[in-house]
Amino acid sequence: MDTQRLWLARSAPGRRMIIAAVVIILVNLVMMITLAHLQWFGRAIAVVGVIFLALVIFVHKEAARVPIWFIVAITIAVQIPDLFFLPRTSDDAYRYVWDGRVLLAGIDPYQFVPADPALVQLRDPLLFPDGQPPLINRPGVPTIYPPIAQLWFAPIAFFTPWAAGTHGVQIAAAVAVVVTTWLLARFLGDRRGWSLLYGACPAVALEAANGAHLDAVCALCVFGLGWAAVRRRHWLAGVFLGLAAGIKLVPLLLIPAFLRCGRWRTALTGVGMLAASYVPHLVAVGVLVVGFLPGYWREEGYDGARRFALLGWLPEHWRTPAALLLSASCAVIAVVRSSREPVLLTCCWLYGCSFLIATPIYAWYALPFVVLAIMADRLEWLAVWVALYVAFIFDHETYIQALAFGAALGVVVLAGYSRRRGAGRRPTEVATQNAENFTPVGVSASGPGVNPG
């Protein structure tokens, strides 16, 4: 009987955690209703962000005791309401549906633009409403998404009726968040409650369950990369790196962290896997496989016209070279430091610095980075995620963007300075020890296979 009571005590969440869970679920629902009926995106995100931060402070002492089943339950409960609303932050989901449909029809998705008459048989009234512009993102340009992303779209298109619209990709992204949060909770051990910074955050649900953004799937792959790297399973880490980069190219920025201490196998496998995924398309359509990447670079102002907010004090024609120089410097520092600091830490600051240099405005880009920051126990880097939302809301206000990213940089610097002055056990060592005792379902301690327990 005493054993049963002890088990119940350990498997039951605390009172504060239950209260916080109920509040955040209701707040998330109210946020989605507000966004669906009112043009209050900035105010809604700001209010929800403040409430979420207050709840984190409210329950932080119970983070070590929250059971994993409760973490998963909260994550599911936060994701579900967002599935019943049309995507709010972008129209990318419609492009996902279209690309999957094209590939499922046996047509290379890089060959034709959506508006091409050759694909008229794949159109439906939902994506191409009569007398109105198509809902598809940039119907006159080729797809920008890499080949492995296309392999994600196609099965979803197969199982999703045309009349269901974006619900298939929305559900798939929500499932990716739930799985990532569950694995993250297991990885963190005594810090497992902090996985709710990802799973229970309304902003994550907004970008995944509602927006269906590929970055939620990329975040799952980045988790696998981090876990395998900590366990020194370099080839497996390379597979996850290849998957992540084949979904969104951004994780390629982590390669400098995988060039020393035997990790070159990770970089080699990742790059090789990505290159191999492009080969069939290159054979089929040639240079068209490049897609919209050059157009994206120009459209987003990475020629120095709009982005690089922290470099706005430089003449416009100097900003891109300066950003490239800073990026190269970060890469060199990462190569040097990777031999003497935990790999998660190197990946975290390297990923974060890329956001501070490029200063993009799309907050969903940061989902993989959020997972890395939680894994590395460098939560101060989440300030960069907040800055991305400020940049998204104030898209054409470069000075406000610079202030937001500058403030995020200040938070990171102050936290790093405080940590250096402080004493005690390094959190990253805790994460490393937890990882060494954690094996995902389906992977044995000696290699890929069936987990016996």
Protein backbone atom coordinates (compact mmCIF):
# COMPACT_ATOMS: atom_id res chain seq x y z
CA MET A 1 0.00 0.00 0.00
CA ASP A 2 2.83 2.41 0.86
CA THR A 3 4.46 1.65 -2.48
CA GLN A 4 1.22 2.39 -4.31
CA ARG A 5 0.79 5.71 -2.50
CA LEU A 6 4.38 6.65 -3.27
CA TRP A 7 3.83 5.86 -6.97
CA LEU A 8 0.63 7.93 -7.04
CA ALA A 9 2.40 10.84 -5.36
CA ARG A 10 5.20 10.74 -7.89
CA SER A 11 2.89 10.36 -10.89
CA ALA A 12 0.49 13.14 -9.89
CA PRO A 13 1.16 16.77 -10.89
CA GLY A 14 1.25 19.46 -8.24
CA ARG A 15 -1.64 21.81 -7.57
CA ARG A 16 0.11 24.79 -9.12
CA MET A 17 0.87 22.81 -12.26
CA ILE A 18 -2.79 21.81 -12.63
CA ILE A 19 -3.92 25.42 -12.21
CA ALA A 20 -1.35 26.63 -14.73
CA ALA A 21 -2.39 23.94 -17.21
CA VAL A 22 -6.06 24.93 -17.05
CA VAL A 23 -5.19 28.62 -17.41
CA ILE A 24 -2.89 28.19 -20.41
CA ILE A 25 -5.38 25.93 -22.21
CA LEU A 26 -8.12 28.54 -21.78
CA VAL A 27 -5.80 31.42 -22.69
CA ASN A 28 -4.74 29.62 -25.86
CA LEU A 29 -8.38 29.09 -26.87
CA VAL A 30 -9.22 32.74 -26.23
CA MET A 31 -6.17 33.79 -28.25
CA MET A 32 -7.26 31.75 -31.25
CA ILE A 33 -10.81 33.08 -31.11
CA THR A 34 -9.44 36.62 -30.89
CA LEU A 35 -7.11 36.13 -33.85
CA ALA A 36 -9.92 34.63 -35.91
CA HIS A 37 -12.26 37.58 -35.43
CA LEU A 38 -10.10 40.62 -34.63
CA GLN A 39 -6.96 42.13 -36.17
CA TRP A 40 -5.19 42.16 -32.81
CA PHE A 41 -2.24 39.91 -33.53
CA GLY A 42 0.41 42.00 -31.81
CA ARG A 43 -1.67 42.71 -28.72
CA ALA A 44 -2.86 39.13 -28.45
CA ILE A 45 0.65 37.69 -28.69
CA ALA A 46 1.99 40.21 -26.18
CA VAL A 47 -0.73 39.49 -23.61
CA VAL A 48 -0.44 35.72 -24.02
CA GLY A 49 3.35 35.95 -23.77
CA VAL A 50 3.14 37.84 -20.48
CA ILE A 51 0.62 35.35 -19.07
CA PHE A 52 2.77 32.41 -20.16
CA LEU A 53 5.86 33.92 -18.54
CA ALA A 54 3.91 34.54 -15.32
CA LEU A 55 2.75 30.91 -15.30
CA VAL A 56 6.31 29.68 -15.84
CA ILE A 57 7.42 31.64 -12.78
CA PHE A 58 4.37 30.36 -10.89
CA VAL A 59 5.18 26.67 -11.45
CA HIS A 60 8.96 26.60 -11.89
CA LYS A 61 9.55 24.90 -8.51
CA GLU A 62 7.36 21.98 -9.59
CA ALA A 63 9.14 21.46 -12.91
CA ALA A 64 11.14 18.51 -11.58
CA ARG A 65 8.09 16.68 -10.24
CA VAL A 66 5.66 16.93 -13.13
CA PRO A 67 5.02 13.46 -14.65
CA ILE A 68 5.63 12.86 -18.32
CA TRP A 69 2.06 11.73 -18.98
CA PHE A 70 0.84 15.11 -17.72
CA ILE A 71 3.32 16.94 -19.94
CA VAL A 72 2.04 15.06 -22.99
CA ALA A 73 -1.59 15.65 -21.97
CA ILE A 74 -1.06 19.41 -21.65
CA THR A 75 0.73 19.53 -24.99
CA ILE A 76 -2.13 17.75 -26.73
CA ALA A 77 -4.71 19.98 -25.04
CA VAL A 78 -2.90 23.13 -26.16
CA GLN A 79 -2.53 21.91 -29.74
CA ILE A 80 -6.11 20.75 -30.36
CA PRO A 81 -7.99 24.11 -30.41
CA ASP A 82 -5.62 25.54 -33.03
CA LEU A 83 -6.59 22.80 -35.49
CA PHE A 84 -10.09 24.24 -35.84
CA PHE A 85 -8.98 27.62 -37.18
CA LEU A 86 -7.57 28.63 -40.54
CA PRO A 87 -3.82 29.37 -40.47
CA ARG A 88 -3.24 32.83 -39.05
CA THR A 89 0.46 33.67 -39.40
CA SER A 90 1.03 32.70 -43.04
CA ASP A 91 -0.39 30.90 -46.06
CA ASP A 92 2.47 28.41 -46.25
CA ALA A 93 0.17 25.50 -45.38
CA TYR A 94 -1.66 25.85 -48.70
CA ARG A 95 1.63 25.48 -50.54
CA TYR A 96 2.39 22.34 -48.52
CA VAL A 97 -0.93 20.85 -49.60
CA TRP A 98 -0.28 21.74 -53.24
CA ASP A 99 3.30 20.44 -53.34
CA GLY A 100 2.20 17.15 -51.82
CA ARG A 101 -0.58 16.82 -54.35
CA VAL A 102 1.78 17.50 -57.25
CA LEU A 103 4.34 14.93 -56.14
CA LEU A 104 1.58 12.42 -55.46
CA ALA A 105 0.47 12.87 -59.08
CA GLY A 106 3.92 11.78 -60.24
CA ILE A 107 5.02 15.28 -61.26
CA ASP A 108 8.24 16.81 -60.01
CA PRO A 109 7.24 19.72 -57.73
CA TYR A 110 10.13 21.85 -59.05
CA GLN A 111 9.03 21.56 -62.68
CA PHE A 112 5.91 23.75 -62.81
CA VAL A 113 4.64 26.73 -60.87
CA PRO A 114 1.14 26.30 -59.36
CA ALA A 115 -0.40 28.69 -61.89
CA ASP A 116 0.91 26.65 -64.84
CA PRO A 117 -1.95 25.31 -67.03
CA ALA A 118 -0.18 21.91 -67.07
CA LEU A 119 -1.40 21.37 -63.49
CA VAL A 120 -4.99 22.48 -63.98
CA GLN A 121 -6.28 18.97 -63.26
CA LEU A 122 -4.91 19.20 -59.69
CA ARG A 123 -6.79 22.37 -58.80
CA ASP A 124 -9.81 22.46 -56.53
CA PRO A 125 -12.19 25.26 -55.44
CA LEU A 126 -10.53 25.47 -52.02
CA LEU A 127 -7.02 26.28 -53.23
CA PHE A 128 -8.20 28.00 -56.41
CA PRO A 129 -11.54 29.69 -55.56
CA ASP A 130 -13.50 30.92 -58.57
CA GLY A 131 -13.05 34.59 -59.31
CA GLN A 132 -10.45 35.04 -56.56
CA PRO A 133 -6.68 34.80 -56.29
CA PRO A 134 -5.34 31.35 -55.35
CA LEU A 135 -4.75 30.72 -51.67
CA ILE A 136 -1.39 29.15 -52.48
CA ASN A 137 1.67 31.07 -51.43
CA ARG A 138 3.22 32.77 -54.50
CA PRO A 139 1.40 30.77 -57.22
CA GLY A 140 3.60 32.24 -59.94
CA VAL A 141 6.95 31.02 -58.57
CA PRO A 142 8.44 27.53 -58.08
CA THR A 143 8.48 25.86 -54.69
CA ILE A 144 11.20 26.73 -52.20
CA TYR A 145 10.95 23.61 -50.05
CA PRO A 146 13.75 21.00 -50.16
CA PRO A 147 13.23 17.39 -51.32
CA ILE A 148 12.76 15.77 -47.91
CA ALA A 149 10.06 18.31 -47.15
CA GLN A 150 8.36 17.18 -50.36
CA LEU A 151 8.48 13.60 -49.04
CA TRP A 152 6.71 14.88 -45.93
CA PHE A 153 3.98 16.58 -47.97
CA ALA A 154 3.18 13.64 -50.25
CA PRO A 155 2.01 11.04 -47.66
CA ILE A 156 -0.07 13.68 -45.93
CA ALA A 157 -1.67 14.56 -49.26
CA PHE A 158 -2.39 10.88 -49.84
CA PHE A 159 -4.32 10.52 -46.59
CA THR A 160 -6.01 13.94 -46.69
CA PRO A 161 -9.16 14.45 -48.81
CA TRP A 162 -9.05 17.55 -50.97
CA ALA A 163 -12.06 18.94 -49.13
CA ALA A 164 -10.11 18.81 -45.81
CA GLY A 165 -7.84 21.60 -46.99
CA THR A 166 -4.92 22.22 -44.64
CA HIS A 167 -6.14 20.00 -41.80
CA GLY A 168 -3.81 17.17 -42.80
CA VAL A 169 -0.61 19.22 -42.55
CA GLN A 170 -1.91 20.95 -39.42
CA ILE A 171 -2.51 17.66 -37.63
CA ALA A 172 0.86 16.33 -38.75
CA ALA A 173 2.67 19.39 -37.38
CA ALA A 174 0.74 19.12 -34.10
CA VAL A 175 1.74 15.47 -33.78
CA ALA A 176 5.37 16.47 -34.37
CA VAL A 177 5.16 18.92 -31.46
CA VAL A 178 3.63 16.30 -29.16
CA VAL A 179 6.32 13.73 -30.02
CA THR A 180 9.10 16.30 -29.66
CA THR A 181 7.81 17.40 -26.26
CA TRP A 182 7.52 13.81 -25.05
CA LEU A 183 11.08 12.98 -26.14
CA LEU A 184 12.33 16.26 -24.72
CA ALA A 185 10.73 15.49 -21.35
CA ARG A 186 12.44 12.10 -21.27
CA PHE A 187 15.75 13.62 -22.29
CA LEU A 188 15.69 16.32 -19.60
CA GLY A 189 15.26 13.91 -16.69
CA ASP A 190 14.79 15.96 -13.52
CA ARG A 191 14.32 19.06 -15.66
CA ARG A 192 11.50 17.47 -17.66
CA GLY A 193 8.98 20.13 -16.69
CA TRP A 194 10.89 22.62 -18.81
CA SER A 195 9.80 20.71 -21.90
CA LEU A 196 6.48 22.52 -21.42
CA LEU A 197 8.21 25.72 -22.52
CA TYR A 198 7.85 24.13 -25.94
CA GLY A 199 4.81 21.85 -25.69
CA ALA A 200 2.51 24.12 -23.68
CA CYS A 201 3.46 27.40 -25.32
CA PRO A 202 0.55 28.92 -27.29
CA ALA A 203 3.03 30.42 -29.75
CA VAL A 204 4.30 26.94 -30.65
CA ALA A 205 0.73 25.73 -31.15
CA LEU A 206 0.02 28.80 -33.29
CA GLU A 207 2.92 27.99 -35.60
CA ALA A 208 2.45 24.19 -35.64
CA ALA A 209 -1.13 23.05 -35.08
CA ASN A 210 -2.52 26.20 -36.67
CA GLY A 211 0.16 27.30 -39.14
CA ALA A 212 1.34 23.74 -39.96
CA HIS A 213 4.85 25.09 -40.38
CA LEU A 214 7.54 22.64 -41.41
CA ASP A 215 9.75 24.00 -38.66
CA ALA A 216 7.84 21.84 -36.14
CA VAL A 217 8.98 18.74 -38.02
CA CYS A 218 12.47 20.19 -38.37
CA ALA A 219 12.51 20.71 -34.58
CA LEU A 220 11.84 17.01 -34.08
CA CYS A 221 14.81 16.16 -36.31
CA VAL A 222 17.00 18.71 -34.51
CA PHE A 223 16.11 17.02 -31.23
CA GLY A 224 17.29 13.74 -32.71
CA LEU A 225 20.49 15.44 -33.86
CA GLY A 226 21.16 16.82 -30.38
CA TRP A 227 20.40 13.54 -28.63
CA ALA A 228 22.57 11.46 -30.97
CA ALA A 229 25.42 13.99 -30.79
CA VAL A 230 25.46 13.91 -27.00
CA ARG A 231 25.55 10.12 -27.12
CA ARG A 232 28.45 10.35 -29.61
CA ARG A 233 26.50 8.38 -32.20
CA HIS A 234 27.90 10.43 -35.02
CA TRP A 235 26.46 8.60 -38.02
CA LEU A 236 22.95 8.65 -36.53
CA ALA A 237 23.37 12.35 -35.73
CA GLY A 238 24.26 12.84 -39.40
CA VAL A 239 21.04 11.17 -40.47
CA PHE A 240 19.06 13.57 -38.30
CA LEU A 241 21.08 16.52 -39.60
CA GLY A 242 20.35 15.43 -43.18
CA LEU A 243 16.65 15.10 -42.40
CA ALA A 244 16.51 18.50 -40.70
CA ALA A 245 18.38 20.23 -43.53
CA GLY A 246 16.27 18.42 -46.12
CA ILE A 247 13.17 19.91 -44.51
CA LYS A 248 14.49 23.43 -43.90
CA LEU A 249 18.01 24.29 -45.01
CA VAL A 250 18.78 26.40 -41.93
CA PRO A 251 20.18 23.52 -39.78
CA LEU A 252 23.14 23.36 -42.18
CA LEU A 253 24.43 26.32 -40.16
CA LEU A 254 25.25 23.83 -37.40
CA ILE A 255 27.90 22.03 -39.48
CA PRO A 256 30.84 23.95 -37.88
CA ALA A 257 29.92 22.30 -34.57
CA PHE A 258 30.48 18.90 -36.18
CA LEU A 259 33.94 19.14 -37.70
CA ARG A 260 36.14 18.05 -34.78
CA CYS A 261 36.37 15.31 -32.15
CA GLY A 262 35.18 12.65 -34.55
CA ARG A 263 32.00 14.57 -35.33
CA TRP A 264 33.07 15.03 -38.94
CA ARG A 265 31.08 11.85 -39.60
CA THR A 266 27.94 13.74 -38.63
CA ALA A 267 28.69 16.57 -41.05
CA LEU A 268 29.62 14.16 -43.83
CA THR A 269 26.49 12.05 -43.41
CA GLY A 270 24.20 15.07 -43.17
CA VAL A 271 25.57 16.83 -46.24
CA GLY A 272 25.68 13.58 -48.20
CA MET A 273 22.11 12.76 -47.33
CA LEU A 274 20.90 16.21 -48.34
CA ALA A 275 22.84 16.09 -51.62
CA ALA A 276 21.47 12.63 -52.41
CA SER A 277 17.91 13.86 -51.89
CA TYR A 278 18.42 16.48 -54.61
CA VAL A 279 19.88 14.09 -57.20
CA PRO A 280 16.59 12.64 -58.59
CA HIS A 281 15.16 16.15 -59.01
CA LEU A 282 18.36 17.42 -60.56
CA VAL A 283 18.20 14.63 -63.12
CA ALA A 284 14.53 15.31 -63.81
CA VAL A 285 14.41 19.11 -64.01
CA GLY A 286 17.99 20.35 -63.93
CA VAL A 287 18.63 23.78 -62.41
CA LEU A 288 14.91 24.25 -61.71
CA VAL A 289 15.58 22.31 -58.51
CA VAL A 290 16.95 25.55 -57.04
CA GLY A 291 13.33 26.69 -56.83
CA PHE A 292 12.49 30.04 -55.30
CA LEU A 293 15.63 30.33 -53.15
CA PRO A 294 17.26 33.20 -55.13
CA GLY A 295 13.93 35.03 -55.29
CA TYR A 296 13.43 34.56 -51.55
CA TRP A 297 16.84 36.07 -50.84
CA ARG A 298 15.97 39.19 -52.81
CA GLU A 299 12.36 39.44 -51.68
CA GLU A 300 13.28 39.27 -48.00
CA GLY A 301 15.89 41.99 -48.37
CA TYR A 302 18.98 39.93 -47.67
CA ASP A 303 20.78 42.00 -50.26
CA GLY A 304 21.03 44.55 -47.46
CA ALA A 305 17.84 46.46 -48.18
CA ARG A 306 15.63 45.23 -45.31
CA ARG A 307 17.22 42.59 -43.08
CA PHE A 308 20.33 42.58 -40.87
CA ALA A 309 18.59 44.96 -38.47
CA LEU A 310 21.54 45.09 -36.06
CA LEU A 311 23.75 46.21 -38.97
CA GLY A 312 21.38 48.97 -40.03
CA TRP A 313 23.93 51.60 -39.04
CA LEU A 314 26.13 50.47 -41.91
CA PRO A 315 25.68 51.66 -45.52
CA GLU A 316 23.27 49.36 -47.33
CA HIS A 317 25.87 47.87 -49.67
CA TRP A 318 28.08 46.93 -46.70
CA ARG A 319 25.47 45.04 -44.71
CA THR A 320 25.49 41.74 -46.58
CA PRO A 321 29.31 41.46 -46.64
CA ALA A 322 29.42 42.38 -42.95
CA ALA A 323 26.80 39.73 -42.14
CA LEU A 324 28.74 37.13 -44.10
CA LEU A 325 31.94 38.09 -42.28
CA LEU A 326 30.22 37.79 -38.89
CA SER A 327 28.75 34.44 -39.88
CA ALA A 328 32.16 33.16 -40.96
CA SER A 329 33.64 34.36 -37.66
CA CYS A 330 30.98 32.52 -35.69
CA ALA A 331 31.66 29.38 -37.71
CA VAL A 332 35.40 29.56 -36.96
CA ILE A 333 34.74 30.14 -33.25
CA ALA A 334 32.34 27.19 -33.24
CA VAL A 335 34.97 24.92 -34.80
CA VAL A 336 37.53 25.98 -32.18
CA ARG A 337 35.22 25.77 -29.19
CA SER A 338 33.53 22.54 -30.23
CA SER A 339 36.50 20.56 -28.92
CA ARG A 340 36.16 21.90 -25.39
CA GLU A 341 32.48 22.67 -24.79
CA PRO A 342 29.38 20.44 -24.89
CA VAL A 343 28.00 20.00 -28.38
CA LEU A 344 24.52 21.18 -27.37
CA LEU A 345 25.96 24.44 -26.13
CA THR A 346 27.88 25.04 -29.36
CA CYS A 347 24.79 24.28 -31.45
CA CYS A 348 22.63 26.55 -29.31
CA TRP A 349 24.74 29.70 -29.51
CA LEU A 350 25.67 29.09 -33.14
CA TYR A 351 21.99 28.79 -34.13
CA GLY A 352 21.11 31.79 -31.99
CA CYS A 353 23.85 33.96 -33.47
CA SER A 354 22.55 33.20 -36.95
CA PHE A 355 19.23 34.77 -35.96
CA LEU A 356 20.93 37.79 -34.41
CA ILE A 357 22.94 38.34 -37.60
CA ALA A 358 20.19 37.69 -40.17
CA THR A 359 17.32 39.09 -38.02
CA PRO A 360 14.52 37.31 -39.91
CA ILE A 361 10.92 38.24 -39.14
CA TYR A 362 9.30 34.81 -39.23
CA ALA A 363 9.03 33.53 -35.68
CA TRP A 364 8.28 29.95 -36.72
CA TYR A 365 11.85 29.67 -38.01
CA ALA A 366 12.91 29.51 -34.36
CA LEU A 367 11.07 26.30 -33.37
CA PRO A 368 14.15 24.06 -33.83
CA PHE A 369 16.24 26.65 -32.01
CA VAL A 370 13.81 26.67 -29.07
CA VAL A 371 14.26 22.92 -28.71
CA LEU A 372 18.05 23.30 -28.77
CA ALA A 373 17.97 26.07 -26.13
CA ILE A 374 15.88 23.90 -23.80
CA MET A 375 18.12 20.87 -24.35
CA ALA A 376 21.25 22.93 -23.65
CA ASP A 377 19.65 24.63 -20.62
CA ARG A 378 20.35 28.04 -22.08
CA LEU A 379 16.90 29.53 -21.68
CA GLU A 380 18.17 33.10 -21.99
CA TRP A 381 18.47 32.46 -25.74
CA LEU A 382 14.66 32.27 -25.91
CA ALA A 383 14.78 36.08 -25.83
CA VAL A 384 15.80 35.83 -29.49
CA TRP A 385 12.51 34.03 -30.19
CA VAL A 386 10.62 36.91 -28.59
CA ALA A 387 12.56 39.34 -30.79
CA LEU A 388 11.42 37.44 -33.89
CA TYR A 389 7.79 38.07 -32.94
CA VAL A 390 8.50 41.77 -32.46
CA ALA A 391 10.13 41.81 -35.91
CA PHE A 392 7.13 39.97 -37.38
CA ILE A 393 4.68 42.49 -35.95
CA PHE A 394 6.80 45.49 -36.95
CA ASP A 395 7.89 44.17 -40.34
CA HIS A 396 8.68 47.55 -41.88
CA GLU A 397 10.06 49.24 -38.75
CA THR A 398 13.75 48.44 -38.88
CA TYR A 399 14.58 50.50 -35.81
CA ILE A 400 12.10 48.59 -33.68
CA GLN A 401 13.49 45.33 -34.99
CA ALA A 402 17.00 46.47 -34.10
CA LEU A 403 15.88 47.37 -30.59
CA ALA A 404 14.22 43.98 -30.16
CA PHE A 405 17.20 41.96 -31.35
CA GLY A 406 19.56 44.26 -29.46
CA ALA A 407 17.59 43.65 -26.27
CA ALA A 408 17.72 39.89 -26.90
CA LEU A 409 21.48 40.11 -27.36
CA GLY A 410 21.71 42.03 -24.10
CA VAL A 411 19.77 39.34 -22.25
CA VAL A 412 22.08 36.64 -23.61
CA VAL A 413 25.22 38.58 -22.70
CA LEU A 414 24.01 39.41 -19.18
CA ALA A 415 22.94 35.83 -18.54
CA GLY A 416 26.30 34.54 -19.76
CA TYR A 417 28.16 37.01 -17.56
CA SER A 418 26.05 36.05 -14.55
CA ARG A 419 26.62 32.36 -15.18
CA ARG A 420 30.38 32.84 -15.38
CA ARG A 421 30.38 34.64 -12.06
CA GLY A 422 28.16 32.09 -10.41
CA ALA A 423 29.31 28.86 -8.91
CA GLY A 424 27.84 25.39 -8.86
CA ARG A 425 27.27 22.57 -11.22
CA ARG A 426 27.09 23.38 -14.93
CA PRO A 427 23.56 22.80 -16.28
CA THR A 428 24.92 21.50 -19.54
CA GLU A 429 26.62 18.67 -17.68
CA VAL A 430 23.24 17.76 -16.23
CA ALA A 431 21.75 17.64 -19.73
CA THR A 432 24.63 15.48 -20.90
CA GLN A 433 24.20 13.02 -18.04
CA ASN A 434 20.46 12.83 -18.62
CA ALA A 435 21.04 12.17 -22.32
CA GLU A 436 23.44 9.35 -21.54
CA ASN A 437 20.71 7.63 -19.56
CA PHE A 438 17.97 8.24 -22.12
CA THR A 439 17.18 6.10 -25.13
CA PRO A 440 14.19 6.94 -27.39
CA VAL A 441 11.72 4.20 -28.15
CA GLY A 442 12.97 2.17 -31.10
CA VAL A 443 16.70 2.84 -30.49
CA SER A 444 18.90 0.57 -28.44
CA ALA A 445 21.99 1.66 -26.53
CA SER A 446 24.27 0.04 -29.07
CA GLY A 447 22.55 1.22 -32.22
CA PRO A 448 19.28 1.56 -34.09
CA GLY A 449 16.91 -1.22 -33.28
CA VAL A 450 14.14 -2.21 -30.94
CA ASN A 451 14.18 -0.81 -27.45
CA PRO A 452 13.61 -3.71 -25.09
CA GLY A 453 12.07 -1.59 -22.40
